[in-house]
N, C-alpha and C. Protein backbone atom coordinates (compact mmCIF):
# COMPACT_ATOMS: atom_id res chain seq x y z
N MET A 1 -5.60 -14.43 -21.99
CA MET A 1 -4.79 -14.84 -20.87
C MET A 1 -3.27 -14.62 -20.94
N PRO A 2 -2.66 -13.96 -19.88
CA PRO A 2 -1.25 -13.64 -20.24
C PRO A 2 -0.31 -14.57 -20.25
N SER A 3 0.69 -14.43 -21.03
CA SER A 3 1.71 -15.43 -21.32
C SER A 3 2.81 -15.66 -20.05
N ASP A 4 3.49 -16.42 -20.33
CA ASP A 4 4.85 -16.63 -19.32
C ASP A 4 5.76 -15.41 -19.47
N ALA A 5 5.77 -14.91 -20.73
CA ALA A 5 6.74 -13.77 -20.93
C ALA A 5 5.96 -12.52 -20.27
N ASP A 6 4.55 -12.49 -20.20
CA ASP A 6 4.05 -11.41 -19.61
C ASP A 6 4.23 -11.36 -17.91
N LEU A 7 4.29 -12.79 -17.62
CA LEU A 7 4.48 -12.63 -16.10
C LEU A 7 5.85 -12.39 -15.65
N ILE A 8 6.82 -12.79 -16.44
CA ILE A 8 8.14 -12.40 -16.41
C ILE A 8 8.34 -10.92 -16.35
N LYS A 9 7.81 -10.25 -17.20
CA LYS A 9 7.81 -8.86 -17.43
C LYS A 9 6.94 -8.06 -16.26
N LEU A 10 5.96 -8.81 -15.63
CA LEU A 10 5.13 -8.18 -14.55
C LEU A 10 6.15 -7.94 -13.12
N TYR A 11 7.01 -9.17 -13.06
CA TYR A 11 7.92 -9.14 -12.11
C TYR A 11 9.07 -8.54 -12.20
N SER A 12 9.30 -7.15 -12.79
CA SER A 12 10.44 -6.51 -13.33
C SER A 12 11.46 -6.33 -12.20
N GLN A 13 12.66 -5.95 -12.43
CA GLN A 13 13.79 -5.86 -11.60
C GLN A 13 13.25 -4.71 -10.59
N ARG A 14 12.58 -3.70 -10.98
CA ARG A 14 12.22 -2.55 -10.17
C ARG A 14 11.23 -3.02 -9.18
N ILE A 15 10.16 -3.89 -9.52
CA ILE A 15 9.26 -4.37 -8.33
C ILE A 15 10.13 -5.30 -7.40
N LEU A 16 10.95 -6.29 -7.90
CA LEU A 16 11.58 -6.96 -7.10
C LEU A 16 12.29 -6.17 -6.21
N ALA A 17 13.14 -5.08 -6.81
CA ALA A 17 13.97 -4.23 -5.82
C ALA A 17 13.20 -3.62 -4.73
N LEU A 18 11.96 -3.10 -5.00
CA LEU A 18 11.24 -2.37 -4.04
C LEU A 18 10.64 -3.55 -3.06
N ALA A 19 10.34 -4.54 -3.42
CA ALA A 19 9.91 -5.91 -2.42
C ALA A 19 10.98 -6.17 -1.50
N ALA A 20 12.21 -6.20 -1.96
CA ALA A 20 13.48 -6.35 -1.13
C ALA A 20 13.78 -5.12 -0.14
N ASP A 21 13.20 -3.99 -0.49
CA ASP A 21 13.54 -2.79 0.18
C ASP A 21 12.24 -2.49 1.15
N LEU A 22 11.64 -3.47 1.71
CA LEU A 22 10.35 -3.15 2.43
C LEU A 22 10.88 -2.48 3.73
N SER A 23 10.59 -1.43 4.14
CA SER A 23 11.00 -0.80 5.52
C SER A 23 9.76 -0.67 6.27
N LEU A 24 10.05 -0.24 7.58
CA LEU A 24 9.01 -0.12 8.69
C LEU A 24 8.09 -1.39 8.73
N ARG A 25 8.78 -2.67 8.57
CA ARG A 25 8.03 -3.73 8.44
C ARG A 25 8.07 -4.50 10.03
N GLU A 26 8.03 -3.69 10.94
CA GLU A 26 7.97 -4.26 12.38
C GLU A 26 6.71 -3.70 12.86
N ARG A 27 6.01 -4.48 13.57
CA ARG A 27 4.80 -3.95 14.18
C ARG A 27 5.14 -2.98 15.29
N LEU A 28 4.26 -2.03 15.64
CA LEU A 28 4.47 -1.13 16.79
C LEU A 28 4.23 -1.71 17.96
N ASP A 29 5.08 -1.40 19.04
CA ASP A 29 4.76 -1.85 20.38
C ASP A 29 3.29 -1.39 20.95
N ALA A 30 3.15 -0.13 20.77
CA ALA A 30 2.00 0.47 21.20
C ALA A 30 1.33 1.49 20.34
N PRO A 31 0.57 0.90 19.13
CA PRO A 31 -0.10 1.41 18.23
C PRO A 31 -1.42 2.15 18.73
N GLU A 32 -1.82 3.24 18.41
CA GLU A 32 -2.79 3.79 18.51
C GLU A 32 -3.98 3.14 17.60
N VAL A 33 -3.75 2.58 16.41
CA VAL A 33 -4.75 1.91 15.63
C VAL A 33 -4.01 0.80 15.01
N SER A 34 -4.71 -0.28 14.86
CA SER A 34 -4.20 -1.65 14.13
C SER A 34 -5.23 -2.01 13.21
N VAL A 35 -5.02 -2.09 11.85
CA VAL A 35 -5.86 -2.73 10.87
C VAL A 35 -5.36 -3.86 9.99
N LYS A 36 -5.98 -4.79 9.97
CA LYS A 36 -5.51 -5.95 9.09
C LYS A 36 -6.44 -6.27 8.03
N LYS A 37 -5.91 -6.35 6.90
CA LYS A 37 -6.67 -6.48 5.49
C LYS A 37 -5.93 -7.88 4.94
N ARG A 38 -6.96 -8.36 4.16
CA ARG A 38 -6.42 -9.70 3.36
C ARG A 38 -7.16 -9.58 2.04
N ALA A 39 -6.34 -10.05 1.17
CA ALA A 39 -6.99 -10.16 -0.39
C ALA A 39 -7.52 -11.53 -0.67
N PRO A 40 -8.78 -11.69 -0.61
CA PRO A 40 -9.35 -12.96 -0.46
C PRO A 40 -8.75 -14.03 -1.79
N LEU A 41 -8.76 -13.29 -2.90
CA LEU A 41 -8.43 -14.16 -3.95
C LEU A 41 -6.96 -14.87 -3.88
N CYS A 42 -6.02 -14.20 -3.31
CA CYS A 42 -4.49 -14.65 -3.39
C CYS A 42 -4.15 -14.93 -2.06
N GLY A 43 -4.80 -14.54 -0.88
CA GLY A 43 -4.37 -14.67 0.30
C GLY A 43 -3.44 -13.67 1.05
N SER A 44 -2.88 -12.79 0.32
CA SER A 44 -1.89 -11.83 0.72
C SER A 44 -2.79 -11.05 1.99
N SER A 45 -1.87 -10.64 2.74
CA SER A 45 -2.48 -9.80 4.09
C SER A 45 -1.46 -8.86 4.61
N ILE A 46 -1.95 -7.92 5.09
CA ILE A 46 -1.16 -6.96 5.74
C ILE A 46 -1.79 -6.30 7.18
N THR A 47 -1.06 -6.07 8.13
CA THR A 47 -1.38 -5.64 9.33
C THR A 47 -0.65 -4.32 9.46
N VAL A 48 -1.37 -3.22 9.61
CA VAL A 48 -0.93 -1.89 9.74
C VAL A 48 -1.23 -1.20 11.17
N ASP A 49 -0.09 -0.67 11.76
CA ASP A 49 -0.22 -0.16 12.84
C ASP A 49 0.40 1.39 12.80
N LEU A 50 -0.51 2.22 13.19
CA LEU A 50 0.06 3.53 13.30
C LEU A 50 -0.29 4.40 14.50
N VAL A 51 0.47 5.48 14.82
CA VAL A 51 0.14 6.34 15.58
C VAL A 51 0.14 7.86 15.20
N THR A 52 -0.93 8.59 15.39
CA THR A 52 -1.07 9.96 14.64
C THR A 52 -0.94 10.93 15.87
N GLU A 53 -0.64 12.19 15.12
CA GLU A 53 -0.61 13.40 15.96
C GLU A 53 -1.02 14.73 15.21
N ASN A 54 -1.96 15.07 15.75
CA ASN A 54 -2.56 16.33 14.93
C ASN A 54 -2.88 15.99 13.54
N GLY A 55 -3.55 14.78 13.46
CA GLY A 55 -4.07 14.22 12.24
C GLY A 55 -2.95 13.77 11.31
N ARG A 56 -1.86 13.55 11.65
CA ARG A 56 -0.64 13.17 10.82
C ARG A 56 0.08 11.93 11.23
N ILE A 57 0.44 11.11 10.60
CA ILE A 57 1.08 9.85 11.00
C ILE A 57 2.53 10.20 11.52
N THR A 58 2.65 9.71 12.77
CA THR A 58 4.07 9.99 13.41
C THR A 58 4.97 8.62 13.28
N GLU A 59 4.14 7.68 13.83
CA GLU A 59 4.73 6.25 13.70
C GLU A 59 4.02 5.36 12.89
N TYR A 60 4.81 4.38 12.12
CA TYR A 60 3.97 3.46 11.32
C TYR A 60 4.86 1.98 11.40
N GLY A 61 4.04 1.04 11.48
CA GLY A 61 4.61 -0.25 11.36
C GLY A 61 3.52 -1.08 10.63
N GLN A 62 4.37 -2.28 9.91
CA GLN A 62 3.50 -3.08 9.00
C GLN A 62 3.99 -4.48 9.08
N ASP A 63 3.01 -5.38 9.03
CA ASP A 63 3.40 -6.98 8.80
C ASP A 63 2.92 -7.10 7.58
N VAL A 64 3.80 -7.48 6.53
CA VAL A 64 3.27 -7.87 5.21
C VAL A 64 3.55 -9.33 5.01
N LYS A 65 2.37 -9.97 4.40
CA LYS A 65 2.55 -11.27 4.11
C LYS A 65 1.78 -11.19 2.55
N ALA A 66 2.66 -11.08 1.72
CA ALA A 66 2.09 -10.92 0.40
C ALA A 66 3.06 -11.27 -0.80
N CYS A 67 2.66 -11.21 -1.95
CA CYS A 67 3.59 -11.52 -3.17
C CYS A 67 4.35 -10.37 -3.35
N ALA A 68 5.42 -10.44 -4.19
CA ALA A 68 6.31 -9.42 -4.40
C ALA A 68 5.64 -8.11 -4.88
N LEU A 69 4.37 -8.17 -5.61
CA LEU A 69 3.74 -6.82 -5.92
C LEU A 69 3.18 -6.28 -4.60
N GLY A 70 2.60 -7.04 -3.85
CA GLY A 70 2.11 -6.49 -2.55
C GLY A 70 3.11 -5.97 -1.66
N GLN A 71 4.33 -6.64 -1.64
CA GLN A 71 5.41 -6.20 -0.90
C GLN A 71 5.86 -4.90 -1.58
N ALA A 72 6.19 -4.84 -2.87
CA ALA A 72 6.41 -3.64 -3.41
C ALA A 72 5.59 -2.40 -3.15
N ALA A 73 4.19 -2.67 -3.15
CA ALA A 73 3.37 -1.55 -2.96
C ALA A 73 3.48 -0.95 -1.37
N ALA A 74 3.69 -1.98 -0.56
CA ALA A 74 3.86 -1.69 0.84
C ALA A 74 5.01 -1.03 1.17
N ALA A 75 6.04 -1.37 0.41
CA ALA A 75 7.40 -0.61 0.47
C ALA A 75 7.27 0.83 -0.01
N LEU A 76 6.49 1.16 -1.14
CA LEU A 76 6.43 2.29 -1.45
C LEU A 76 5.74 3.09 -0.36
N VAL A 77 4.63 2.63 0.06
CA VAL A 77 3.76 3.32 1.19
C VAL A 77 4.62 3.62 2.34
N ALA A 78 5.51 2.72 2.69
CA ALA A 78 6.52 2.96 4.02
C ALA A 78 7.36 3.99 3.68
N HIS A 79 7.85 4.06 2.32
CA HIS A 79 8.83 5.22 2.07
C HIS A 79 8.17 6.72 2.30
N HIS A 80 6.86 6.61 2.15
CA HIS A 80 6.34 8.18 2.22
C HIS A 80 5.33 8.40 3.37
N VAL A 81 4.84 7.42 4.01
CA VAL A 81 3.94 7.59 4.85
C VAL A 81 3.87 8.51 6.07
N ILE A 82 5.07 8.66 6.67
CA ILE A 82 5.22 9.45 7.76
C ILE A 82 5.09 10.92 7.38
N GLY A 83 4.35 11.45 8.36
CA GLY A 83 3.98 12.91 8.35
C GLY A 83 2.77 13.27 7.39
N ARG A 84 2.10 12.23 6.74
CA ARG A 84 0.99 12.20 5.83
C ARG A 84 -0.41 12.40 6.72
N ASP A 85 -1.33 13.01 6.05
CA ASP A 85 -2.75 13.14 6.63
C ASP A 85 -3.60 12.06 5.98
N ARG A 86 -4.67 11.97 6.38
CA ARG A 86 -5.78 11.09 6.09
C ARG A 86 -6.17 11.51 4.33
N ALA A 87 -6.08 12.90 4.06
CA ALA A 87 -6.59 13.15 2.75
C ALA A 87 -5.57 12.70 1.72
N GLU A 88 -4.24 12.90 2.22
CA GLU A 88 -3.18 12.24 1.39
C GLU A 88 -3.24 11.06 0.91
N ILE A 89 -3.59 10.20 2.06
CA ILE A 89 -3.45 8.74 2.02
C ILE A 89 -4.62 8.31 1.06
N GLU A 90 -5.67 8.91 1.36
CA GLU A 90 -7.05 8.48 0.61
C GLU A 90 -6.87 8.88 -1.02
N ALA A 91 -6.07 10.17 -1.07
CA ALA A 91 -5.90 10.47 -2.59
C ALA A 91 -4.91 9.57 -3.25
N ALA A 92 -3.82 8.95 -2.53
CA ALA A 92 -2.84 8.07 -3.00
C ALA A 92 -3.60 6.84 -3.23
N ARG A 93 -4.43 6.48 -2.39
CA ARG A 93 -5.28 5.05 -2.71
C ARG A 93 -6.08 5.14 -3.79
N ASP A 94 -6.74 6.25 -3.78
CA ASP A 94 -7.75 6.43 -5.25
C ASP A 94 -6.91 6.52 -6.47
N ALA A 95 -5.78 7.16 -6.53
CA ALA A 95 -5.11 7.31 -7.70
C ALA A 95 -4.33 6.01 -8.12
N LEU A 96 -3.94 5.12 -7.10
CA LEU A 96 -3.54 3.69 -7.47
C LEU A 96 -4.58 3.05 -7.99
N ARG A 97 -5.87 2.93 -7.30
CA ARG A 97 -6.87 2.17 -7.95
C ARG A 97 -7.19 2.64 -9.45
N ASP A 98 -7.09 4.07 -9.56
CA ASP A 98 -7.55 4.55 -11.06
C ASP A 98 -6.31 3.91 -12.00
N LEU A 99 -5.06 4.14 -11.53
CA LEU A 99 -3.79 3.63 -12.25
C LEU A 99 -4.30 2.07 -12.72
N LEU A 100 -4.68 1.29 -11.76
CA LEU A 100 -4.76 -0.06 -12.12
C LEU A 100 -5.87 -0.44 -12.86
N ALA A 101 -6.84 0.51 -12.96
CA ALA A 101 -8.05 0.46 -13.80
C ALA A 101 -7.93 0.99 -15.23
N GLY A 102 -6.80 1.70 -15.42
CA GLY A 102 -6.28 2.30 -16.80
C GLY A 102 -6.74 3.52 -16.77
N ARG A 103 -7.08 4.27 -15.65
CA ARG A 103 -7.67 5.67 -15.70
C ARG A 103 -6.75 6.78 -15.17
N GLY A 104 -5.57 6.45 -15.27
CA GLY A 104 -4.49 7.53 -14.62
C GLY A 104 -3.14 7.13 -14.68
N ASN A 105 -2.27 7.97 -14.10
CA ASN A 105 -0.87 7.64 -14.01
C ASN A 105 -0.46 7.13 -12.59
N GLY A 106 -1.33 7.18 -11.73
CA GLY A 106 -0.99 6.70 -10.40
C GLY A 106 -0.77 7.92 -9.51
N PRO A 107 -0.54 7.61 -8.05
CA PRO A 107 -0.29 8.91 -7.28
C PRO A 107 0.75 9.68 -7.47
N GLU A 108 0.59 10.88 -7.27
CA GLU A 108 1.57 11.94 -7.43
C GLU A 108 2.37 12.12 -6.25
N ALA A 109 3.50 13.03 -6.18
CA ALA A 109 4.23 13.18 -4.95
C ALA A 109 3.28 13.69 -3.76
N PRO A 110 3.55 13.10 -2.57
CA PRO A 110 4.71 12.47 -2.15
C PRO A 110 4.61 10.93 -2.28
N PHE A 111 3.58 10.36 -2.96
CA PHE A 111 3.50 8.88 -3.15
C PHE A 111 3.88 8.51 -4.55
N ALA A 112 4.74 9.33 -5.17
CA ALA A 112 5.30 8.95 -6.39
C ALA A 112 5.88 7.68 -6.56
N GLY A 113 6.15 6.91 -7.64
CA GLY A 113 6.83 5.54 -7.64
C GLY A 113 5.77 4.55 -8.10
N PHE A 114 4.76 4.67 -7.91
CA PHE A 114 3.69 3.65 -8.06
C PHE A 114 3.38 3.43 -9.68
N GLU A 115 4.08 4.30 -10.35
CA GLU A 115 3.79 3.93 -11.97
C GLU A 115 4.35 2.55 -12.16
N VAL A 116 5.23 2.18 -11.37
CA VAL A 116 5.79 0.82 -11.71
C VAL A 116 4.74 -0.33 -11.92
N MET A 117 3.61 0.05 -11.15
CA MET A 117 2.60 -0.97 -11.28
C MET A 117 1.85 -0.87 -12.43
N GLU A 118 1.90 -0.02 -13.42
CA GLU A 118 1.18 0.08 -14.62
C GLU A 118 1.10 -1.22 -15.27
N ALA A 119 2.18 -1.94 -15.27
CA ALA A 119 2.51 -3.05 -15.97
C ALA A 119 1.29 -4.29 -15.40
N THR A 120 0.80 -4.00 -14.25
CA THR A 120 -0.10 -5.05 -13.68
C THR A 120 -1.54 -4.77 -14.11
N ARG A 121 -1.85 -3.93 -14.88
CA ARG A 121 -3.25 -3.55 -15.28
C ARG A 121 -4.08 -4.74 -15.69
N GLU A 122 -3.52 -5.50 -16.42
CA GLU A 122 -4.12 -6.87 -16.97
C GLU A 122 -4.37 -7.88 -16.09
N PHE A 123 -3.40 -7.65 -14.95
CA PHE A 123 -3.45 -9.03 -13.83
C PHE A 123 -4.49 -8.50 -12.87
N THR A 124 -5.73 -8.51 -13.12
CA THR A 124 -6.43 -7.98 -12.29
C THR A 124 -6.74 -8.90 -10.78
N ASN A 125 -6.25 -10.20 -10.83
CA ASN A 125 -6.30 -11.03 -9.80
C ASN A 125 -5.15 -10.61 -8.80
N ARG A 126 -4.21 -9.53 -9.08
CA ARG A 126 -3.17 -9.17 -8.29
C ARG A 126 -3.39 -7.74 -7.76
N HIS A 127 -4.41 -7.16 -8.22
CA HIS A 127 -4.91 -5.76 -7.65
C HIS A 127 -5.16 -5.51 -6.19
N ALA A 128 -5.85 -6.60 -5.84
CA ALA A 128 -6.20 -6.49 -4.39
C ALA A 128 -5.00 -6.65 -3.37
N SER A 129 -4.01 -7.34 -3.76
CA SER A 129 -2.72 -7.23 -3.09
C SER A 129 -2.10 -6.08 -3.22
N ILE A 130 -2.00 -5.40 -4.15
CA ILE A 130 -1.26 -4.30 -4.54
C ILE A 130 -2.11 -3.12 -3.88
N MET A 131 -3.23 -3.19 -3.59
CA MET A 131 -4.05 -2.10 -2.76
C MET A 131 -3.98 -2.24 -1.38
N LEU A 132 -3.69 -3.32 -0.84
CA LEU A 132 -3.64 -3.68 0.57
C LEU A 132 -3.07 -2.55 1.54
N ALA A 133 -1.65 -2.14 1.13
CA ALA A 133 -1.13 -1.26 2.05
C ALA A 133 -1.97 0.15 2.40
N LEU A 134 -2.16 0.53 1.01
CA LEU A 134 -3.06 1.99 1.07
C LEU A 134 -4.48 1.83 1.55
N ASP A 135 -5.13 0.74 1.34
CA ASP A 135 -6.47 0.51 1.82
C ASP A 135 -6.25 0.37 3.51
N ALA A 136 -5.43 -0.42 3.82
CA ALA A 136 -5.34 -0.64 5.37
C ALA A 136 -5.07 0.61 6.22
N THR A 137 -3.95 1.41 5.44
CA THR A 137 -3.55 2.70 6.16
C THR A 137 -4.67 3.67 5.96
N ALA A 138 -5.47 3.76 4.99
CA ALA A 138 -6.58 4.72 4.84
C ALA A 138 -7.66 4.38 5.91
N ASP A 139 -7.93 3.10 6.13
CA ASP A 139 -8.89 2.73 7.19
C ASP A 139 -8.33 2.95 8.50
N ALA A 140 -7.00 2.72 8.79
CA ALA A 140 -6.51 3.04 10.08
C ALA A 140 -6.52 4.54 10.45
N MET A 141 -6.45 5.36 9.35
CA MET A 141 -6.33 6.82 9.54
C MET A 141 -7.84 7.16 9.86
N GLY A 142 -8.77 6.70 9.23
CA GLY A 142 -10.17 6.97 9.59
C GLY A 142 -10.54 6.40 10.98
N GLN A 143 -10.02 5.26 11.36
CA GLN A 143 -10.34 4.87 12.78
C GLN A 143 -9.52 5.98 13.80
N ALA A 144 -8.24 6.33 13.63
CA ALA A 144 -7.58 7.21 14.12
C ALA A 144 -8.18 8.50 14.56
N GLU A 145 -8.76 8.97 13.25
CA GLU A 145 -9.62 10.31 13.33
C GLU A 145 -10.74 10.16 14.24
N ALA A 146 -11.62 9.18 13.90
CA ALA A 146 -12.78 8.92 14.72
C ALA A 146 -12.58 8.74 16.28
N ARG A 147 -11.49 7.95 16.52
CA ARG A 147 -11.08 8.15 17.88
C ARG A 147 -10.64 9.18 18.48
N ASN A 148 -10.09 10.10 17.77
CA ASN A 148 -9.57 11.51 18.34
C ASN A 148 -10.64 12.38 18.40
N CYS A 149 -11.65 12.09 17.69
CA CYS A 149 -12.90 13.19 17.63
C CYS A 149 -13.73 12.70 18.88
N ALA A 150 -13.66 11.52 19.35
CA ALA A 150 -14.80 11.09 20.24
C ALA A 150 -14.49 11.76 21.62
């Protein structure tokens, strides 16, 4: 079981700074797609709104109700999400999942920065919150793609 010192290390200055720098945190007025996800263990949640054009995100908004880890992950997504396509979002999601499981170094550019989450590997109860933004964005991209192909 992690100690108090481990928890203090977990909430590093970098994670807290990212959480405080959460951008694109307003819901969109007219989203093409909205997806809400919730981490059942901790109760963190996110709603992602997006608009796409030619398979790429042109507008993005989010409502994040999560711990500092979930907020930090959402901030990293927000910094890089505009202009990305479904494959890039899914690759970042999968690389983050692998990082948390100890099987990789995390997403590469354009989603670099998630290596800060490496310290959370042993805190598996926090992983769902960390994954929320990329999980919701990947689902939203899938829905947008299906909608535009119909």
